[in-house]
Amino acid sequence: MNEPHSDQPESSSPDVMWSIAEVERDTGLGKDTLRVWERRYGFPTPLRDANGERAYPHAQVQRLRVIKRLLDAGHRPGKVVSLTVEQLELLARADASAAEPRVVSPGEAGSGLADVHGLWLRWLMDNRTDLIRQALQQQILRQGLGVTVEQLVAPLCVLVGETWLRGELSVYQEHLFTEVLQTVLREAIAGVDAGGQSLQRPPRVLLTTTPPEQHGLGLLMAECFFALESCERLALGISTPLADIVQATRQLQIDVVALSFSAHASRRDVIDSLEQLADQLPPGVEIWAGGAAMALNRRGIPDRVTVLRRASDVTLQVQAWRMRSGAARAWP
């Protein structure tokens, strides 16, 4: 069995045959999964080596890589495993096109932000997340947390997602990028809180995502703006069961439940979760929901839900809530 050389370009070794263990390590798809797909969907279709063991041609491994990216993006095996490479690539490009529109600020073309995004993306491709961390921290100091999140972080996240879907970034690189952003933004939020510890005021906000949503970066960007508005916040993390959200809302006397739905969320998950929460949460508790999936699934959203088109919408919604509740007048 020829061993694929990790330093050699894939295009230069089209005749390499891969063992099932090598395919598992490269794609992240388990051996049992590969065998089940072979029986159920007719793909992959491995050959056999001299010992009768499965041997996968390089072209099939490339196709499995695209399938894995689409599965990670929320597609189901039954919908993608049997597709051709061309169909898979079209689907990946369609997913990238359906991602949340970039936030473009007035005058961005002349500000060089597009060049900044490209530079940061090159750093990520070169595994220089240390440079991304330093640049992001400096940007927050110069421009402020809110401006940095809206004009730099939000569009950069979309760009990274599109690049990953095209297969130009590895999964580990996308994860490193997310971890760097989360670390720096949490540090910045802590700095905002430390600068105004006695100023926390209503609304009292519960931040989380509903199952099976595993992406929390959009929620963290929204929390930046809640912090800038000195809101009382309780963050439950990601994928909190609906019953626990309702219980926490009641026991913690929450005013606003803030949710985030990424582009990977299915329409059924988004609508079902929002409908159940709208029915079960106490009267007077508001539901604010944002993320790419909200833009893609506007029809059917319960009237009780306030849709945030971007994280910075939090600012206006908080101010409006305070005017409605009288909190603005009560605050000295």
Protein backbone atom coordinates (compact mmCIF):
# COMPACT_ATOMS: atom_id res chain seq x y z
CA MET A 1 0.00 0.00 0.00
CA ASN A 2 1.47 3.34 -0.99
CA GLU A 3 1.60 5.83 1.85
CA PRO A 4 0.35 9.34 0.81
CA HIS A 5 3.00 11.95 1.47
CA SER A 6 1.55 14.89 3.42
CA ASP A 7 4.06 17.35 1.94
CA GLN A 8 3.37 16.38 -1.66
CA PRO A 9 0.65 18.23 -3.62
CA GLU A 10 -2.41 16.07 -4.17
CA SER A 11 -2.48 16.80 -7.88
CA SER A 12 0.95 15.23 -8.30
CA SER A 13 -0.09 11.84 -6.94
CA PRO A 14 -3.36 10.80 -8.64
CA ASP A 15 -2.40 7.09 -8.66
CA VAL A 16 -1.95 6.80 -4.90
CA MET A 17 -4.19 4.22 -3.26
CA TRP A 18 -5.39 4.81 0.28
CA SER A 19 -6.17 2.24 2.97
CA ILE A 20 -9.39 2.67 4.95
CA ALA A 21 -7.35 3.75 7.98
CA GLU A 22 -5.63 6.44 5.91
CA VAL A 23 -8.97 7.68 4.57
CA GLU A 24 -10.32 7.88 8.11
CA ARG A 25 -7.35 9.93 9.30
CA ASP A 26 -7.46 12.26 6.30
CA THR A 27 -11.19 12.95 6.09
CA GLY A 28 -12.41 12.38 9.64
CA LEU A 29 -14.98 9.89 8.36
CA GLY A 30 -15.02 6.70 10.45
CA LYS A 31 -14.35 3.27 9.02
CA ASP A 32 -17.83 2.04 9.93
CA THR A 33 -19.35 5.08 8.23
CA LEU A 34 -17.42 4.39 5.03
CA ARG A 35 -18.57 0.76 5.01
CA VAL A 36 -22.21 1.71 5.64
CA TRP A 37 -22.16 4.29 2.85
CA GLU A 38 -20.66 1.72 0.50
CA ARG A 39 -23.63 -0.60 1.11
CA ARG A 40 -26.37 2.01 1.41
CA TYR A 41 -25.42 4.63 -1.19
CA GLY A 42 -23.05 2.79 -3.52
CA PHE A 43 -20.18 5.14 -2.67
CA PRO A 44 -17.31 4.97 -2.02
CA THR A 45 -16.41 2.04 -4.27
CA PRO A 46 -13.00 0.85 -3.09
CA LEU A 47 -10.83 -1.63 -4.92
CA ARG A 48 -9.07 -4.49 -3.15
CA ASP A 49 -5.35 -4.87 -2.58
CA ALA A 50 -3.37 -8.11 -2.68
CA ASN A 51 -4.55 -8.95 0.84
CA GLY A 52 -8.21 -8.34 0.01
CA GLU A 53 -8.31 -5.09 2.01
CA ARG A 54 -10.16 -2.01 0.80
CA ALA A 55 -8.02 0.34 -1.29
CA TYR A 56 -9.44 3.78 -2.16
CA PRO A 57 -8.38 5.64 -5.32
CA HIS A 58 -7.22 9.20 -4.78
CA ALA A 59 -10.20 10.65 -6.69
CA GLN A 60 -12.61 9.01 -4.25
CA VAL A 61 -10.72 10.46 -1.30
CA GLN A 62 -11.01 13.93 -2.82
CA ARG A 63 -14.76 13.43 -3.22
CA LEU A 64 -15.03 12.23 0.38
CA ARG A 65 -13.29 15.42 1.54
CA VAL A 66 -15.95 17.57 -0.13
CA ILE A 67 -18.70 15.39 1.34
CA LYS A 68 -17.21 15.85 4.82
CA ARG A 69 -17.17 19.63 4.40
CA LEU A 70 -20.83 19.59 3.42
CA LEU A 71 -21.73 17.34 6.35
CA ASP A 72 -19.94 19.74 8.68
CA ALA A 73 -22.01 22.54 7.12
CA GLY A 74 -25.24 20.76 8.08
CA HIS A 75 -26.15 18.58 5.09
CA ARG A 76 -27.41 15.03 5.60
CA PRO A 77 -25.53 11.99 4.21
CA GLY A 78 -28.54 10.76 2.25
CA LYS A 79 -28.61 14.01 0.30
CA VAL A 80 -24.93 14.33 -0.60
CA VAL A 81 -23.06 11.00 -0.55
CA SER A 82 -24.40 9.83 -3.90
CA LEU A 83 -23.73 13.15 -5.68
CA THR A 84 -20.95 13.52 -8.24
CA VAL A 85 -17.91 15.69 -7.56
CA GLU A 86 -19.32 18.38 -9.84
CA GLN A 87 -22.66 18.35 -8.01
CA LEU A 88 -20.91 18.48 -4.64
CA GLU A 89 -18.80 21.47 -5.67
CA LEU A 90 -21.89 23.29 -6.95
CA LEU A 91 -23.64 22.65 -3.65
CA ALA A 92 -20.63 23.92 -1.71
CA ARG A 93 -20.54 27.09 -3.80
CA ALA A 94 -24.28 27.57 -3.31
CA ASP A 95 -23.81 27.28 0.45
CA ALA A 96 -21.10 29.92 0.34
CA SER A 97 -23.34 32.23 -1.70
CA ALA A 98 -26.19 31.76 0.79
CA ALA A 99 -24.04 32.81 3.72
CA GLU A 100 -24.87 35.97 5.65
CA PRO A 101 -24.25 39.08 3.54
CA ARG A 102 -21.13 40.98 4.47
CA VAL A 103 -21.50 44.08 6.58
CA VAL A 104 -20.07 46.92 4.54
CA SER A 105 -19.72 50.26 6.24
CA PRO A 106 -19.96 53.58 4.42
CA GLY A 107 -16.64 54.47 2.91
CA GLU A 108 -15.19 51.00 3.37
CA ALA A 109 -13.71 50.97 -0.12
CA GLY A 110 -11.49 53.87 0.79
CA SER A 111 -10.62 52.65 4.27
CA GLY A 112 -8.60 49.66 3.20
CA LEU A 113 -10.75 47.22 5.22
CA ALA A 114 -11.08 44.90 2.23
CA ASP A 115 -7.27 44.71 2.12
CA VAL A 116 -7.20 44.04 5.85
CA HIS A 117 -9.60 41.13 5.45
CA GLY A 118 -7.41 39.66 2.72
CA LEU A 119 -4.30 40.08 4.84
CA TRP A 120 -5.87 38.37 7.85
CA LEU A 121 -7.07 35.52 5.63
CA ARG A 122 -3.52 35.03 4.34
CA TRP A 123 -2.28 34.95 7.93
CA LEU A 124 -4.82 32.23 8.69
CA MET A 125 -3.76 30.20 5.66
CA ASP A 126 -0.13 30.56 6.84
CA ASN A 127 -1.12 29.40 10.36
CA ARG A 128 -0.16 32.79 11.85
CA THR A 129 -3.09 33.17 14.20
CA ASP A 130 -0.71 34.97 16.57
CA LEU A 131 -0.69 37.87 14.11
CA ILE A 132 -4.48 37.82 13.90
CA ARG A 133 -4.72 37.97 17.68
CA GLN A 134 -2.33 40.92 17.95
CA ALA A 135 -3.97 42.82 15.09
CA LEU A 136 -7.45 42.29 16.52
CA GLN A 137 -6.41 43.51 19.96
CA GLN A 138 -4.81 46.60 18.42
CA GLN A 139 -7.89 47.26 16.30
CA ILE A 140 -10.15 47.15 19.35
CA LEU A 141 -7.89 49.63 21.15
CA ARG A 142 -7.85 52.02 18.19
CA GLN A 143 -11.40 51.77 16.89
CA GLY A 144 -13.37 50.45 19.84
CA LEU A 145 -15.10 47.10 20.34
CA GLY A 146 -18.35 47.88 18.54
CA VAL A 147 -16.79 49.27 15.38
CA THR A 148 -14.29 46.41 15.23
CA VAL A 149 -16.98 43.75 15.53
CA GLU A 150 -19.26 45.30 12.92
CA GLN A 151 -16.78 46.46 10.32
CA LEU A 152 -14.00 43.89 10.66
CA VAL A 153 -14.94 40.74 12.59
CA ALA A 154 -18.40 40.10 11.11
CA PRO A 155 -17.39 40.34 7.42
CA LEU A 156 -14.17 38.44 8.12
CA CYS A 157 -16.19 35.55 9.58
CA VAL A 158 -18.23 35.38 6.37
CA LEU A 159 -15.06 35.42 4.28
CA VAL A 160 -13.48 32.62 6.32
CA GLY A 161 -16.68 30.56 6.03
CA GLU A 162 -16.78 30.97 2.26
CA THR A 163 -13.10 30.05 1.98
CA TRP A 164 -13.59 26.95 4.13
CA LEU A 165 -16.57 25.80 2.06
CA ARG A 166 -14.43 26.03 -1.08
CA GLY A 167 -11.92 23.73 0.60
CA GLU A 168 -9.17 26.35 0.74
CA LEU A 169 -8.96 26.21 4.54
CA SER A 170 -8.58 23.16 6.73
CA VAL A 171 -11.02 22.40 9.53
CA TYR A 172 -8.31 22.96 12.12
CA GLN A 173 -7.55 26.40 10.64
CA GLU A 174 -11.21 27.42 10.85
CA HIS A 175 -11.30 26.19 14.46
CA LEU A 176 -8.13 28.10 15.34
CA PHE A 177 -9.62 31.25 13.83
CA THR A 178 -12.78 30.83 15.88
CA GLU A 179 -10.83 30.24 19.09
CA VAL A 180 -8.71 33.36 18.55
CA LEU A 181 -11.77 35.52 17.97
CA GLN A 182 -13.57 34.10 20.98
CA THR A 183 -10.57 34.63 23.26
CA VAL A 184 -9.97 38.23 22.19
CA LEU A 185 -13.65 39.20 22.23
CA ARG A 186 -14.16 37.71 25.70
CA GLU A 187 -11.13 39.66 26.93
CA ALA A 188 -12.60 42.82 25.44
CA ILE A 189 -16.00 42.16 27.05
CA ALA A 190 -14.31 41.64 30.41
CA GLY A 191 -12.55 44.97 29.92
CA VAL A 192 -15.85 46.72 29.20
CA ASP A 193 -17.42 45.17 32.30
CA ALA A 194 -14.45 46.10 34.48
CA GLY A 195 -14.73 49.70 33.35
CA GLY A 196 -18.36 49.98 34.42
CA GLN A 197 -19.06 47.38 37.10
CA SER A 198 -21.56 49.59 38.91
CA LEU A 199 -23.40 50.51 35.74
CA GLN A 200 -25.05 47.19 34.84
CA ARG A 201 -28.72 47.82 34.24
CA PRO A 202 -31.78 46.28 32.59
CA PRO A 203 -32.67 44.54 30.43
CA ARG A 204 -31.52 41.32 32.02
CA VAL A 205 -30.45 39.20 29.05
CA LEU A 206 -30.07 35.44 28.67
CA LEU A 207 -27.75 34.47 25.79
CA THR A 208 -27.67 30.98 24.28
CA THR A 209 -28.36 28.84 21.22
CA THR A 210 -30.96 26.09 20.87
CA PRO A 211 -30.21 22.47 19.93
CA PRO A 212 -28.57 21.43 17.70
CA GLU A 213 -26.85 24.80 17.07
CA GLN A 214 -23.15 24.44 17.93
CA HIS A 215 -21.89 27.79 16.60
CA GLY A 216 -21.59 30.47 19.27
CA LEU A 217 -19.47 33.15 17.61
CA GLY A 218 -22.47 35.16 16.42
CA LEU A 219 -23.86 35.09 19.95
CA LEU A 220 -20.55 36.35 21.31
CA MET A 221 -20.54 39.25 18.84
CA ALA A 222 -24.02 40.19 20.02
CA GLU A 223 -22.84 40.01 23.64
CA CYS A 224 -20.19 42.61 22.81
CA PHE A 225 -22.96 45.12 22.09
CA PHE A 226 -24.98 44.09 25.15
CA ALA A 227 -21.85 44.73 27.23
CA LEU A 228 -21.35 48.14 25.61
CA GLU A 229 -24.92 48.98 26.64
CA SER A 230 -24.13 47.89 30.24
CA CYS A 231 -26.83 45.20 30.17
CA GLU A 232 -27.05 42.51 32.82
CA ARG A 233 -26.11 39.31 31.00
CA LEU A 234 -26.22 35.59 31.70
CA ALA A 235 -24.62 33.39 29.05
CA LEU A 236 -25.57 29.69 28.99
CA GLY A 237 -23.28 28.70 26.13
CA ILE A 238 -24.47 26.75 23.11
CA SER A 239 -27.20 24.19 22.43
CA THR A 240 -29.24 24.66 25.62
CA PRO A 241 -32.40 22.49 25.71
CA LEU A 242 -35.57 24.52 25.31
CA ALA A 243 -36.98 23.39 28.65
CA ASP A 244 -33.83 24.65 30.38
CA ILE A 245 -34.07 28.00 28.59
CA VAL A 246 -37.65 28.39 29.82
CA GLN A 247 -36.73 27.35 33.37
CA ALA A 248 -33.73 29.68 33.50
CA THR A 249 -35.79 32.56 32.14
CA ARG A 250 -38.38 32.14 34.89
CA GLN A 251 -35.99 31.59 37.79
CA LEU A 252 -33.49 34.28 36.79
CA GLN A 253 -36.17 36.87 35.98
CA ILE A 254 -34.94 37.39 32.45
CA ASP A 255 -36.24 40.27 30.33
CA VAL A 256 -34.76 39.25 26.95
CA VAL A 257 -33.77 35.86 25.57
CA ALA A 258 -31.10 36.42 22.89
CA LEU A 259 -30.54 33.59 20.40
CA SER A 260 -28.25 33.03 17.44
CA PHE A 261 -28.80 30.72 14.46
CA SER A 262 -25.90 30.19 12.06
CA ALA A 263 -26.25 29.48 8.34
CA HIS A 264 -25.90 25.77 9.16
CA ALA A 265 -29.23 25.69 11.02
CA SER A 266 -32.13 24.09 9.16
CA ARG A 267 -35.36 25.98 8.65
CA ARG A 268 -37.23 23.36 10.69
CA ASP A 269 -34.89 23.73 13.68
CA VAL A 270 -35.12 27.54 13.56
CA ILE A 271 -38.91 27.79 13.26
CA ASP A 272 -39.68 24.95 15.68
CA SER A 273 -37.39 26.35 18.37
CA LEU A 274 -38.76 29.87 18.07
CA GLU A 275 -42.39 28.69 18.05
CA GLN A 276 -41.91 26.60 21.18
CA LEU A 277 -40.16 29.39 23.04
CA ALA A 278 -42.79 31.91 21.95
CA ASP A 279 -45.46 29.60 23.42
CA GLN A 280 -43.64 28.70 26.64
CA LEU A 281 -41.76 31.79 27.80
CA PRO A 282 -43.52 34.03 30.32
CA PRO A 283 -45.49 37.00 28.99
CA GLY A 284 -43.38 40.13 28.80
CA VAL A 285 -40.16 38.27 28.05
CA GLU A 286 -38.87 39.30 24.65
CA ILE A 287 -37.11 37.00 22.17
CA TRP A 288 -34.37 38.53 20.04
CA ALA A 289 -32.83 36.28 17.39
CA GLY A 290 -30.04 36.90 14.91
CA GLY A 291 -27.59 35.10 12.67
CA ALA A 292 -27.46 34.09 9.03
CA ALA A 293 -30.30 31.58 9.36
CA MET A 294 -32.70 34.33 10.40
CA ALA A 295 -32.07 36.14 7.12
CA LEU A 296 -32.59 32.91 5.18
CA ASN A 297 -35.77 31.83 7.00
CA ARG A 298 -37.82 34.98 7.51
CA ARG A 299 -41.15 33.39 6.61
CA GLY A 300 -42.87 31.66 9.50
CA ILE A 301 -40.99 33.42 12.30
CA PRO A 302 -43.41 34.07 15.21
CA ASP A 303 -44.54 37.65 15.66
CA ARG A 304 -43.16 37.65 19.18
CA VAL A 305 -39.59 37.31 17.85
CA THR A 306 -37.51 40.40 17.10
CA VAL A 307 -35.07 39.70 14.27
CA LEU A 308 -31.59 41.22 14.55
CA ARG A 309 -30.08 41.59 11.08
CA ARG A 310 -26.61 42.23 12.48
CA ALA A 311 -25.02 42.20 15.92
CA SER A 312 -24.97 45.99 16.12
CA ASP A 313 -28.80 46.04 16.00
CA VAL A 314 -28.58 45.13 19.69
CA THR A 315 -27.81 48.76 20.50
CA LEU A 316 -31.03 50.17 19.05
CA GLN A 317 -33.14 47.32 20.44
CA VAL A 318 -31.79 47.85 23.96
CA GLN A 319 -32.49 51.58 23.76
CA ALA A 320 -36.01 50.89 22.49
CA TRP A 321 -36.63 48.35 25.26
CA ARG A 322 -35.55 50.86 27.90
CA MET A 323 -37.87 53.49 26.49
CA ARG A 324 -40.81 51.05 26.48
CA SER A 325 -40.11 49.81 30.01
CA GLY A 326 -39.32 53.21 31.49
CA ALA A 327 -35.82 52.05 32.40
CA ALA A 328 -34.31 54.99 30.57
CA ARG A 329 -36.26 57.47 32.72
CA ALA A 330 -35.53 55.55 35.93
CA TRP A 331 -31.79 55.57 35.35
CA PRO A 332 -30.07 58.65 36.85
